[in-house]
């Protein structure tokens, strides 16, 4: 039985019986499937990073827009009045404000 096994082993390619190649293949399999930083977790982290970068760009644009509106409010009294009327429903003493809410 031992000689039959040796004959079968001798018919295999040289790299499949080399201990360094076997260790290398085992290392690659371990890194791809079983390690904490395997391929699937790396792909998930990459997708998460992409989503966070998109959110960052969105919020940077929002900050720029808000700063622009803030500068406009501080420099123009008519825009201050318009802002107060639209957002806080403020009115002058001699006028009435009617708020119409559309039902969805």
PDB file of N, CA and C in Angstrom:
ATOM      1  N   UNK A   1       0.818  -1.179   0.000  1.00  0.00           N
ATOM      2  CA  UNK A   1       0.000   0.000   0.000  1.00  0.00           C
ATOM      3  C   UNK A   1       0.873   1.258   0.000  1.00  0.00           C
ATOM      4  N   UNK A   2       1.954   1.215   0.748  1.00  0.00           N
ATOM      5  CA  UNK A   2       2.839   2.384   0.822  1.00  0.00           C
ATOM      6  C   UNK A   2       3.484   2.667  -0.528  1.00  0.00           C
ATOM      7  N   UNK A   3       3.866   1.626  -1.244  1.00  0.00           N
ATOM      8  CA  UNK A   3       4.504   1.799  -2.559  1.00  0.00           C
ATOM      9  C   UNK A   3       3.497   2.335  -3.573  1.00  0.00           C
ATOM     10  N   UNK A   4       2.248   1.901  -3.478  1.00  0.00           N
ATOM     11  CA  UNK A   4       1.213   2.404  -4.400  1.00  0.00           C
ATOM     12  C   UNK A   4       0.979   3.899  -4.151  1.00  0.00           C
ATOM     13  N   UNK A   5       0.995   4.285  -2.896  1.00  0.00           N
ATOM     14  CA  UNK A   5       0.831   5.693  -2.554  1.00  0.00           C
ATOM     15  C   UNK A   5       2.020   6.508  -3.041  1.00  0.00           C
ATOM     16  N   UNK A   6       3.213   5.976  -2.927  1.00  0.00           N
ATOM     17  CA  UNK A   6       4.408   6.675  -3.413  1.00  0.00           C
ATOM     18  C   UNK A   6       4.368   6.844  -4.933  1.00  0.00           C
ATOM     19  N   UNK A   7       3.862   5.837  -5.664  1.00  0.00           N
ATOM     20  CA  UNK A   7       3.747   5.943  -7.117  1.00  0.00           C
ATOM     21  C   UNK A   7       2.762   7.044  -7.514  1.00  0.00           C
ATOM     22  N   UNK A   8       1.636   7.122  -6.782  1.00  0.00           N
ATOM     23  CA  UNK A   8       0.645   8.164  -7.075  1.00  0.00           C
ATOM     24  C   UNK A   8       1.203   9.552  -6.768  1.00  0.00           C
ATOM     25  N   UNK A   9       1.944   9.643  -5.672  1.00  0.00           N
ATOM     26  CA  UNK A   9       2.546  10.929  -5.308  1.00  0.00           C
ATOM     27  C   UNK A   9       3.596  11.330  -6.324  1.00  0.00           C
ATOM     28  N   UNK A  10       4.345  10.375  -6.835  1.00  0.00           N
ATOM     29  CA  UNK A  10       5.395  10.710  -7.795  1.00  0.00           C
ATOM     30  C   UNK A  10       4.824  11.179  -9.130  1.00  0.00           C
ATOM     31  N   UNK A  11       3.583  10.849  -9.435  1.00  0.00           N
ATOM     32  CA  UNK A  11       2.951  11.292 -10.674  1.00  0.00           C
ATOM     33  C   UNK A  11       2.409  12.724 -10.587  1.00  0.00           C
ATOM     34  N   UNK A  12       2.333  13.268  -9.385  1.00  0.00           N
ATOM     35  CA  UNK A  12       1.845  14.649  -9.212  1.00  0.00           C
ATOM     36  C   UNK A  12       2.898  15.635  -9.705  1.00  0.00           C
ATOM     37  N   UNK A  13       2.470  16.845 -10.100  1.00  0.00           N
ATOM     38  CA  UNK A  13       3.450  17.864 -10.513  1.00  0.00           C
ATOM     39  C   UNK A  13       4.365  18.235  -9.347  1.00  0.00           C
ATOM     40  N   UNK A  14       5.522  18.794  -9.662  1.00  0.00           N
ATOM     41  CA  UNK A  14       6.518  19.074  -8.632  1.00  0.00           C
ATOM     42  C   UNK A  14       6.042  20.115  -7.636  1.00  0.00           C
ATOM     43  N   UNK A  15       5.269  21.077  -8.096  1.00  0.00           N
ATOM     44  CA  UNK A  15       4.863  22.159  -7.199  1.00  0.00           C
ATOM     45  C   UNK A  15       3.825  21.707  -6.183  1.00  0.00           C
ATOM     46  N   UNK A  16       3.078  20.644  -6.462  1.00  0.00           N
ATOM     47  CA  UNK A  16       2.060  20.183  -5.516  1.00  0.00           C
ATOM     48  C   UNK A  16       2.657  19.381  -4.363  1.00  0.00           C
ATOM     49  N   UNK A  17       3.905  18.946  -4.506  1.00  0.00           N
ATOM     50  CA  UNK A  17       4.547  18.217  -3.413  1.00  0.00           C
ATOM     51  C   UNK A  17       5.585  19.061  -2.692  1.00  0.00           C
ATOM     52  N   UNK A  18       5.849  20.254  -3.188  1.00  0.00           N
ATOM     53  CA  UNK A  18       6.820  21.145  -2.569  1.00  0.00           C
ATOM     54  C   UNK A  18       6.200  21.771  -1.305  1.00  0.00           C
ATOM     55  N   UNK A  19       6.823  21.632  -0.138  1.00  0.00           N
ATOM     56  CA  UNK A  19       6.240  22.171   1.104  1.00  0.00           C
ATOM     57  C   UNK A  19       6.091  23.694   1.078  1.00  0.00           C
ATOM     58  N   UNK A  20       6.993  24.385   0.389  1.00  0.00           N
ATOM     59  CA  UNK A  20       6.890  25.848   0.338  1.00  0.00           C
ATOM     60  C   UNK A  20       5.673  26.263  -0.484  1.00  0.00           C
ATOM     61  N   UNK A  21       5.426  25.582  -1.598  1.00  0.00           N
ATOM     62  CA  UNK A  21       4.243  25.885  -2.411  1.00  0.00           C
ATOM     63  C   UNK A  21       2.961  25.568  -1.648  1.00  0.00           C
ATOM     64  N   UNK A  22       2.945  24.460  -0.938  1.00  0.00           N
ATOM     65  CA  UNK A  22       1.769  24.088  -0.146  1.00  0.00           C
ATOM     66  C   UNK A  22       1.518  25.145   0.933  1.00  0.00           C
ATOM     67  N   UNK A  23       2.576  25.581   1.612  1.00  0.00           N
ATOM     68  CA  UNK A  23       2.431  26.619   2.642  1.00  0.00           C
ATOM     69  C   UNK A  23       1.932  27.922   2.018  1.00  0.00           C
ATOM     70  N   UNK A  24       2.439  28.242   0.830  1.00  0.00           N
ATOM     71  CA  UNK A  24       1.984  29.460   0.150  1.00  0.00           C
ATOM     72  C   UNK A  24       0.513  29.399  -0.214  1.00  0.00           C
ATOM     73  N   UNK A  25       0.076  28.263  -0.726  1.00  0.00           N
ATOM     74  CA  UNK A  25      -1.339  28.096  -1.079  1.00  0.00           C
ATOM     75  C   UNK A  25      -2.208  28.173   0.167  1.00  0.00           C
ATOM     76  N   UNK A  26      -1.787  27.529   1.243  1.00  0.00           N
ATOM     77  CA  UNK A  26      -2.544  27.596   2.491  1.00  0.00           C
ATOM     78  C   UNK A  26      -2.605  29.036   3.028  1.00  0.00           C
ATOM     79  N   UNK A  27      -1.505  29.753   2.896  1.00  0.00           N
ATOM     80  CA  UNK A  27      -1.481  31.147   3.344  1.00  0.00           C
ATOM     81  C   UNK A  27      -2.466  31.995   2.544  1.00  0.00           C
ATOM     82  N   UNK A  28      -2.457  31.806   1.232  1.00  0.00           N
ATOM     83  CA  UNK A  28      -3.370  32.585   0.379  1.00  0.00           C
ATOM     84  C   UNK A  28      -4.831  32.251   0.694  1.00  0.00           C
ATOM     85  N   UNK A  29      -5.128  30.979   0.866  1.00  0.00           N
ATOM     86  CA  UNK A  29      -6.494  30.571   1.208  1.00  0.00           C
ATOM     87  C   UNK A  29      -6.893  31.164   2.559  1.00  0.00           C
ATOM     88  N   UNK A  30      -5.995  31.136   3.513  1.00  0.00           N
ATOM     89  CA  UNK A  30      -6.280  31.711   4.832  1.00  0.00           C
ATOM     90  C   UNK A  30      -6.571  33.207   4.723  1.00  0.00           C
ATOM     91  N   UNK A  31      -5.751  33.924   3.954  1.00  0.00           N
ATOM     92  CA  UNK A  31      -5.926  35.371   3.837  1.00  0.00           C
ATOM     93  C   UNK A  31      -7.211  35.738   3.089  1.00  0.00           C
ATOM     94  N   UNK A  32      -7.599  34.921   2.132  1.00  0.00           N
ATOM     95  CA  UNK A  32      -8.797  35.236   1.346  1.00  0.00           C
ATOM     96  C   UNK A  32     -10.076  34.926   2.121  1.00  0.00           C
ATOM     97  N   UNK A  33     -10.114  33.828   2.852  1.00  0.00           N
ATOM     98  CA  UNK A  33     -11.372  33.388   3.443  1.00  0.00           C
ATOM     99  C   UNK A  33     -11.475  33.508   4.955  1.00  0.00           C
ATOM    100  N   UNK A  34     -10.399  33.322   5.702  1.00  0.00           N
ATOM    101  CA  UNK A  34     -10.526  33.154   7.143  1.00  0.00           C
ATOM    102  C   UNK A  34      -9.980  34.289   7.984  1.00  0.00           C
ATOM    103  N   UNK A  35      -9.192  35.174   7.443  1.00  0.00           N
ATOM    104  CA  UNK A  35      -8.569  36.244   8.213  1.00  0.00           C
ATOM    105  C   UNK A  35      -9.601  37.322   8.544  1.00  0.00           C
ATOM    106  N   UNK A  36      -9.309  38.123   9.566  1.00  0.00           N
ATOM    107  CA  UNK A  36     -10.216  39.215   9.926  1.00  0.00           C
ATOM    108  C   UNK A  36     -10.328  40.250   8.808  1.00  0.00           C
ATOM    109  N   UNK A  37      -9.294  40.416   8.033  1.00  0.00           N
ATOM    110  CA  UNK A  37      -9.299  41.365   6.924  1.00  0.00           C
ATOM    111  C   UNK A  37      -9.411  40.629   5.593  1.00  0.00           C
ATOM    112  N   UNK A  38     -10.363  39.718   5.502  1.00  0.00           N
ATOM    113  CA  UNK A  38     -10.503  38.932   4.279  1.00  0.00           C
ATOM    114  C   UNK A  38     -11.088  39.781   3.151  1.00  0.00           C
ATOM    115  N   UNK A  39     -11.235  39.178   2.002  1.00  0.00           N
ATOM    116  CA  UNK A  39     -11.655  39.913   0.804  1.00  0.00           C
ATOM    117  C   UNK A  39     -13.046  40.514   0.981  1.00  0.00           C
ATOM    118  N   UNK A  40     -13.973  39.787   1.537  1.00  0.00           N
ATOM    119  CA  UNK A  40     -15.341  40.291   1.697  1.00  0.00           C
ATOM    120  C   UNK A  40     -15.382  41.491   2.636  1.00  0.00           C
ATOM    121  N   UNK A  41     -14.653  41.430   3.736  1.00  0.00           N
ATOM    122  CA  UNK A  41     -14.664  42.568   4.651  1.00  0.00           C
ATOM    123  C   UNK A  41     -13.974  43.777   4.021  1.00  0.00           C
ATOM    124  N   UNK A  42     -12.957  43.550   3.198  1.00  0.00           N
ATOM    125  CA  UNK A  42     -12.300  44.662   2.508  1.00  0.00           C
ATOM    126  C   UNK A  42     -13.251  45.321   1.508  1.00  0.00           C
ATOM    127  N   UNK A  43     -14.024  44.518   0.780  1.00  0.00           N
ATOM    128  CA  UNK A  43     -15.003  45.075  -0.151  1.00  0.00           C
ATOM    129  C   UNK A  43     -16.075  45.869   0.594  1.00  0.00           C
ATOM    130  N   UNK A  44     -16.520  45.337   1.728  1.00  0.00           N
ATOM    131  CA  UNK A  44     -17.521  46.041   2.530  1.00  0.00           C
ATOM    132  C   UNK A  44     -16.970  47.365   3.046  1.00  0.00           C
ATOM    133  N   UNK A  45     -15.737  47.358   3.507  1.00  0.00           N
ATOM    134  CA  UNK A  45     -15.117  48.588   4.000  1.00  0.00           C
ATOM    135  C   UNK A  45     -14.929  49.597   2.872  1.00  0.00           C
ATOM    136  N   UNK A  46     -14.612  49.134   1.680  1.00  0.00           N
ATOM    137  CA  UNK A  46     -14.451  50.034   0.535  1.00  0.00           C
ATOM    138  C   UNK A  46     -15.788  50.685   0.171  1.00  0.00           C
ATOM    139  N   UNK A  47     -16.869  49.921   0.179  1.00  0.00           N
ATOM    140  CA  UNK A  47     -18.192  50.474  -0.100  1.00  0.00           C
ATOM    141  C   UNK A  47     -18.592  51.490   0.966  1.00  0.00           C
ATOM    142  N   UNK A  48     -18.288  51.185   2.211  1.00  0.00           N
ATOM    143  CA  UNK A  48     -18.598  52.088   3.309  1.00  0.00           C
ATOM    144  C   UNK A  48     -17.814  53.395   3.177  1.00  0.00           C
ATOM    145  N   UNK A  49     -16.554  53.289   2.798  1.00  0.00           N
ATOM    146  CA  UNK A  49     -15.722  54.468   2.590  1.00  0.00           C
ATOM    147  C   UNK A  49     -16.267  55.324   1.450  1.00  0.00           C
ATOM    148  N   UNK A  50     -16.694  54.702   0.364  1.00  0.00           N
ATOM    149  CA  UNK A  50     -17.256  55.444  -0.763  1.00  0.00           C
ATOM    150  C   UNK A  50     -18.513  56.190  -0.345  1.00  0.00           C
ATOM    151  N   UNK A  51     -19.365  55.536   0.430  1.00  0.00           N
ATOM    152  CA  UNK A  51     -20.589  56.190   0.899  1.00  0.00           C
ATOM    153  C   UNK A  51     -20.262  57.369   1.814  1.00  0.00           C
ATOM    154  N   UNK A  52     -19.272  57.204   2.664  1.00  0.00           N
ATOM    155  CA  UNK A  52     -18.894  58.293   3.569  1.00  0.00           C
ATOM    156  C   UNK A  52     -18.295  59.475   2.806  1.00  0.00           C
ATOM    157  N   UNK A  53     -17.523  59.198   1.764  1.00  0.00           N
ATOM    158  CA  UNK A  53     -16.960  60.280   0.963  1.00  0.00           C
ATOM    159  C   UNK A  53     -18.051  61.043   0.218  1.00  0.00           C
ATOM    160  N   UNK A  54     -19.081  60.335  -0.260  1.00  0.00           N
ATOM    161  CA  UNK A  54     -20.206  61.009  -0.898  1.00  0.00           C
ATOM    162  C   UNK A  54     -20.939  61.897   0.104  1.00  0.00           C
ATOM    163  N   UNK A  55     -21.145  61.398   1.324  1.00  0.00           N
ATOM    164  CA  UNK A  55     -21.797  62.203   2.356  1.00  0.00           C
ATOM    165  C   UNK A  55     -20.951  63.425   2.695  1.00  0.00           C
ATOM    166  N   UNK A  56     -19.645  63.243   2.754  1.00  0.00           N
ATOM    167  CA  UNK A  56     -18.750  64.355   3.061  1.00  0.00           C
ATOM    168  C   UNK A  56     -18.882  65.447   2.000  1.00  0.00           C
ATOM    169  N   UNK A  57     -18.867  65.060   0.724  1.00  0.00           N
ATOM    170  CA  UNK A  57     -19.009  66.043  -0.350  1.00  0.00           C
ATOM    171  C   UNK A  57     -20.358  66.747  -0.277  1.00  0.00           C
ATOM    172  N   UNK A  58     -21.428  65.993   0.027  1.00  0.00           N
ATOM    173  CA  UNK A  58     -22.751  66.589   0.161  1.00  0.00           C
ATOM    174  C   UNK A  58     -22.770  67.622   1.282  1.00  0.00           C
ATOM    175  N   UNK A  59     -22.203  67.273   2.430  1.00  0.00           N
ATOM    176  CA  UNK A  59     -22.219  68.193   3.556  1.00  0.00           C
ATOM    177  C   UNK A  59     -21.316  69.401   3.333  1.00  0.00           C
ATOM    178  N   UNK A  60     -20.222  69.225   2.610  1.00  0.00           N
ATOM    179  CA  UNK A  60     -19.384  70.382   2.276  1.00  0.00           C
ATOM    180  C   UNK A  60     -20.138  71.358   1.385  1.00  0.00           C
ATOM    181  N   UNK A  61     -20.904  70.842   0.425  1.00  0.00           N
ATOM    182  CA  UNK A  61     -21.725  71.717  -0.413  1.00  0.00           C
ATOM    183  C   UNK A  61     -22.807  72.414   0.405  1.00  0.00           C
ATOM    184  N   UNK A  62     -23.393  71.697   1.343  1.00  0.00           N
ATOM    185  CA  UNK A  62     -24.407  72.300   2.203  1.00  0.00           C
ATOM    186  C   UNK A  62     -23.805  73.405   3.069  1.00  0.00           C
ATOM    187  N   UNK A  63     -22.601  73.198   3.554  1.00  0.00           N
ATOM    188  CA  UNK A  63     -21.933  74.215   4.373  1.00  0.00           C
ATOM    189  C   UNK A  63     -21.660  75.460   3.543  1.00  0.00           C
ATOM    190  N   UNK A  64     -21.193  75.279   2.315  1.00  0.00           N
ATOM    191  CA  UNK A  64     -20.945  76.432   1.445  1.00  0.00           C
ATOM    192  C   UNK A  64     -22.230  77.215   1.182  1.00  0.00           C
ATOM    193  N   UNK A  65     -23.299  76.489   0.900  1.00  0.00           N
ATOM    194  CA  UNK A  65     -24.579  77.142   0.633  1.00  0.00           C
ATOM    195  C   UNK A  65     -25.090  77.881   1.868  1.00  0.00           C
ATOM    196  N   UNK A  66     -24.956  77.271   3.025  1.00  0.00           N
ATOM    197  CA  UNK A  66     -25.407  77.903   4.263  1.00  0.00           C
ATOM    198  C   UNK A  66     -24.580  79.140   4.585  1.00  0.00           C
ATOM    199  N   UNK A  67     -23.265  79.059   4.355  1.00  0.00           N
ATOM    200  CA  UNK A  67     -22.423  80.240   4.591  1.00  0.00           C
ATOM    201  C   UNK A  67     -22.795  81.383   3.653  1.00  0.00           C
ATOM    202  N   UNK A  68     -23.136  81.047   2.419  1.00  0.00           N
ATOM    203  CA  UNK A  68     -23.554  82.062   1.462  1.00  0.00           C
ATOM    204  C   UNK A  68     -24.858  82.727   1.914  1.00  0.00           C
ATOM    205  N   UNK A  69     -25.803  81.905   2.373  1.00  0.00           N
ATOM    206  CA  UNK A  69     -27.069  82.457   2.878  1.00  0.00           C
ATOM    207  C   UNK A  69     -26.837  83.300   4.124  1.00  0.00           C
ATOM    208  N   UNK A  70     -25.947  82.872   4.973  1.00  0.00           N
ATOM    209  CA  UNK A  70     -25.635  83.625   6.192  1.00  0.00           C
ATOM    210  C   UNK A  70     -25.043  84.991   5.856  1.00  0.00           C
ATOM    211  N   UNK A  71     -24.126  85.006   4.909  1.00  0.00           N
ATOM    212  CA  UNK A  71     -23.523  86.281   4.497  1.00  0.00           C
ATOM    213  C   UNK A  71     -24.580  87.192   3.898  1.00  0.00           C
ATOM    214  N   UNK A  72     -25.492  86.633   3.132  1.00  0.00           N
ATOM    215  CA  UNK A  72     -26.574  87.439   2.541  1.00  0.00           C
ATOM    216  C   UNK A  72     -27.492  87.992   3.624  1.00  0.00           C
ATOM    217  N   UNK A  73     -27.802  87.191   4.619  1.00  0.00           N
ATOM    218  CA  UNK A  73     -28.671  87.660   5.710  1.00  0.00           C
ATOM    219  C   UNK A  73     -28.018  88.769   6.519  1.00  0.00           C
ATOM    220  N   UNK A  74     -26.725  88.682   6.726  1.00  0.00           N
ATOM    221  CA  UNK A  74     -26.044  89.697   7.522  1.00  0.00           C
ATOM    222  C   UNK A  74     -25.834  91.000   6.758  1.00  0.00           C
ATOM    223  N   UNK A  75     -25.843  90.958   5.445  1.00  0.00           N
ATOM    224  CA  UNK A  75     -25.536  92.161   4.680  1.00  0.00           C
ATOM    225  C   UNK A  75     -26.769  92.881   4.141  1.00  0.00           C
ATOM    226  N   UNK A  76     -27.893  92.214   4.029  1.00  0.00           N
ATOM    227  CA  UNK A  76     -29.050  92.805   3.363  1.00  0.00           C
ATOM    228  C   UNK A  76     -30.262  92.792   4.295  1.00  0.00           C
ATOM    229  N   UNK A  77     -30.778  93.960   4.684  1.00  0.00           N
ATOM    230  CA  UNK A  77     -31.935  93.992   5.596  1.00  0.00           C
ATOM    231  C   UNK A  77     -33.214  93.437   4.967  1.00  0.00           C
ATOM    232  N   UNK A  78     -33.380  93.588   3.662  1.00  0.00           N
ATOM    233  CA  UNK A  78     -34.599  93.046   3.046  1.00  0.00           C
ATOM    234  C   UNK A  78     -34.584  91.512   3.065  1.00  0.00           C
ATOM    235  N   UNK A  79     -33.410  90.924   2.935  1.00  0.00           N
ATOM    236  CA  UNK A  79     -33.345  89.464   3.018  1.00  0.00           C
ATOM    237  C   UNK A  79     -33.590  88.979   4.450  1.00  0.00           C
ATOM    238  N   UNK A  80     -33.199  89.791   5.434  1.00  0.00           N
ATOM    239  CA  UNK A  80     -33.501  89.446   6.827  1.00  0.00           C
ATOM    240  C   UNK A  80     -35.006  89.421   7.055  1.00  0.00           C
ATOM    241  N   UNK A  81     -35.684  90.423   6.538  1.00  0.00           N
ATOM    242  CA  UNK A  81     -37.135  90.483   6.702  1.00  0.00           C
ATOM    243  C   UNK A  81     -37.806  89.308   5.981  1.00  0.00           C
ATOM    244  N   UNK A  82     -37.354  89.021   4.773  1.00  0.00           N
ATOM    245  CA  UNK A  82     -37.912  87.911   4.010  1.00  0.00           C
ATOM    246  C   UNK A  82     -37.699  86.586   4.750  1.00  0.00           C
ATOM    247  N   UNK A  83     -36.514  86.394   5.293  1.00  0.00           N
ATOM    248  CA  UNK A  83     -36.205  85.168   6.035  1.00  0.00           C
ATOM    249  C   UNK A  83     -37.097  85.050   7.270  1.00  0.00           C
ATOM    250  N   UNK A  84     -37.240  86.137   8.000  1.00  0.00           N
ATOM    251  CA  UNK A  84     -38.063  86.116   9.212  1.00  0.00           C
ATOM    252  C   UNK A  84     -39.519  85.832   8.876  1.00  0.00           C
ATOM    253  N   UNK A  85     -40.008  86.392   7.796  1.00  0.00           N
ATOM    254  CA  UNK A  85     -41.400  86.158   7.409  1.00  0.00           C
ATOM    255  C   UNK A  85     -41.611  84.708   6.946  1.00  0.00           C
ATOM    256  N   UNK A  86     -40.681  84.165   6.192  1.00  0.00           N
ATOM    257  CA  UNK A  86     -40.866  82.825   5.650  1.00  0.00           C
ATOM    258  C   UNK A  86     -40.669  81.730   6.698  1.00  0.00           C
ATOM    259  N   UNK A  87     -39.673  81.873   7.540  1.00  0.00           N
ATOM    260  CA  UNK A  87     -39.329  80.787   8.453  1.00  0.00           C
ATOM    261  C   UNK A  87     -39.948  80.917   9.842  1.00  0.00           C
ATOM    262  N   UNK A  88     -40.173  82.139  10.293  1.00  0.00           N
ATOM    263  CA  UNK A  88     -40.698  82.326  11.652  1.00  0.00           C
ATOM    264  C   UNK A  88     -42.084  82.949  11.671  1.00  0.00           C
ATOM    265  N   UNK A  89     -42.666  83.168  10.516  1.00  0.00           N
ATOM    266  CA  UNK A  89     -44.009  83.719  10.358  1.00  0.00           C
ATOM    267  C   UNK A  89     -44.182  85.033  11.100  1.00  0.00           C
ATOM    268  N   UNK A  90     -43.173  85.861  11.071  1.00  0.00           N
ATOM    269  CA  UNK A  90     -43.250  87.178  11.709  1.00  0.00           C
ATOM    270  C   UNK A  90     -44.030  88.117  10.807  1.00  0.00           C
ATOM    271  N   UNK A  91     -44.610  89.126  11.445  1.00  0.00           N
ATOM    272  CA  UNK A  91     -45.405  90.086  10.684  1.00  0.00           C
ATOM    273  C   UNK A  91     -45.253  91.460  11.309  1.00  0.00           C
ATOM    274  N   UNK A  92     -45.670  92.430  10.546  1.00  0.00           N
ATOM    275  CA  UNK A  92     -45.683  93.793  11.074  1.00  0.00           C
ATOM    276  C   UNK A  92     -46.943  93.976  11.900  1.00  0.00           C
ATOM    277  N   UNK A  93     -47.011  95.099  12.643  1.00  0.00           N
ATOM    278  CA  UNK A  93     -48.146  95.321  13.540  1.00  0.00           C
ATOM    279  C   UNK A  93     -49.465  95.495  12.788  1.00  0.00           C
ATOM    280  N   UNK A  94     -49.416  96.044  11.608  1.00  0.00           N
ATOM    281  CA  UNK A  94     -50.658  96.390  10.919  1.00  0.00           C
ATOM    282  C   UNK A  94     -51.060  95.381   9.841  1.00  0.00           C
ATOM    283  N   UNK A  95     -50.571  94.163   9.889  1.00  0.00           N
ATOM    284  CA  UNK A  95     -50.942  93.188   8.867  1.00  0.00           C
ATOM    285  C   UNK A  95     -51.246  91.830   9.489  1.00  0.00           C
ATOM    286  N   UNK A  96     -52.000  91.036   8.734  1.00  0.00           N
ATOM    287  CA  UNK A  96     -52.356  89.685   9.154  1.00  0.00           C
ATOM    288  C   UNK A  96     -51.628  88.692   8.251  1.00  0.00           C
ATOM    289  N   UNK A  97     -51.272  87.538   8.833  1.00  0.00           N
ATOM    290  CA  UNK A  97     -50.589  86.500   8.068  1.00  0.00           C
ATOM    291  C   UNK A  97     -51.494  85.277   8.014  1.00  0.00           C
ATOM    292  N   UNK A  98     -51.724  84.794   6.809  1.00  0.00           N
ATOM    293  CA  UNK A  98     -52.503  83.580   6.609  1.00  0.00           C
ATOM    294  C   UNK A  98     -51.567  82.492   6.095  1.00  0.00           C
ATOM    295  N   UNK A  99     -51.545  81.368   6.781  1.00  0.00           N
ATOM    296  CA  UNK A  99     -50.685  80.256   6.393  1.00  0.00           C
ATOM    297  C   UNK A  99     -51.566  79.195   5.752  1.00  0.00           C
ATOM    298  N   UNK A 100     -51.257  78.848   4.504  1.00  0.00           N
ATOM    299  CA  UNK A 100     -52.026  77.844   3.782  1.00  0.00           C
ATOM    300  C   UNK A 100     -51.166  76.590   3.694  1.00  0.00           C
ATOM    301  N   UNK A 101     -51.691  75.512   4.253  1.00  0.00           N
ATOM    302  CA  UNK A 101     -50.968  74.249   4.252  1.00  0.00           C
ATOM    303  C   UNK A 101     -51.649  73.321   3.257  1.00  0.00           C
ATOM    304  N   UNK A 102     -50.881  72.820   2.301  1.00  0.00           N
ATOM    305  CA  UNK A 102     -51.435  71.902   1.318  1.00  0.00           C
ATOM    306  C   UNK A 102     -51.401  70.488   1.866  1.00  0.00           C
ATOM    307  N   UNK A 103     -52.506  69.781   1.719  1.00  0.00           N
ATOM    308  CA  UNK A 103     -52.563  68.395   2.163  1.00  0.00           C
ATOM    309  C   UNK A 103     -51.950  67.503   1.113  1.00  0.00           C
ATOM    310  N   UNK A 104     -51.267  66.472   1.575  1.00  0.00           N
ATOM    311  CA  UNK A 104     -50.615  65.548   0.635  1.00  0.00           C
ATOM    312  C   UNK A 104     -51.462  64.334   0.407  1.00  0.00           C
TER     313      UNK A 104
END
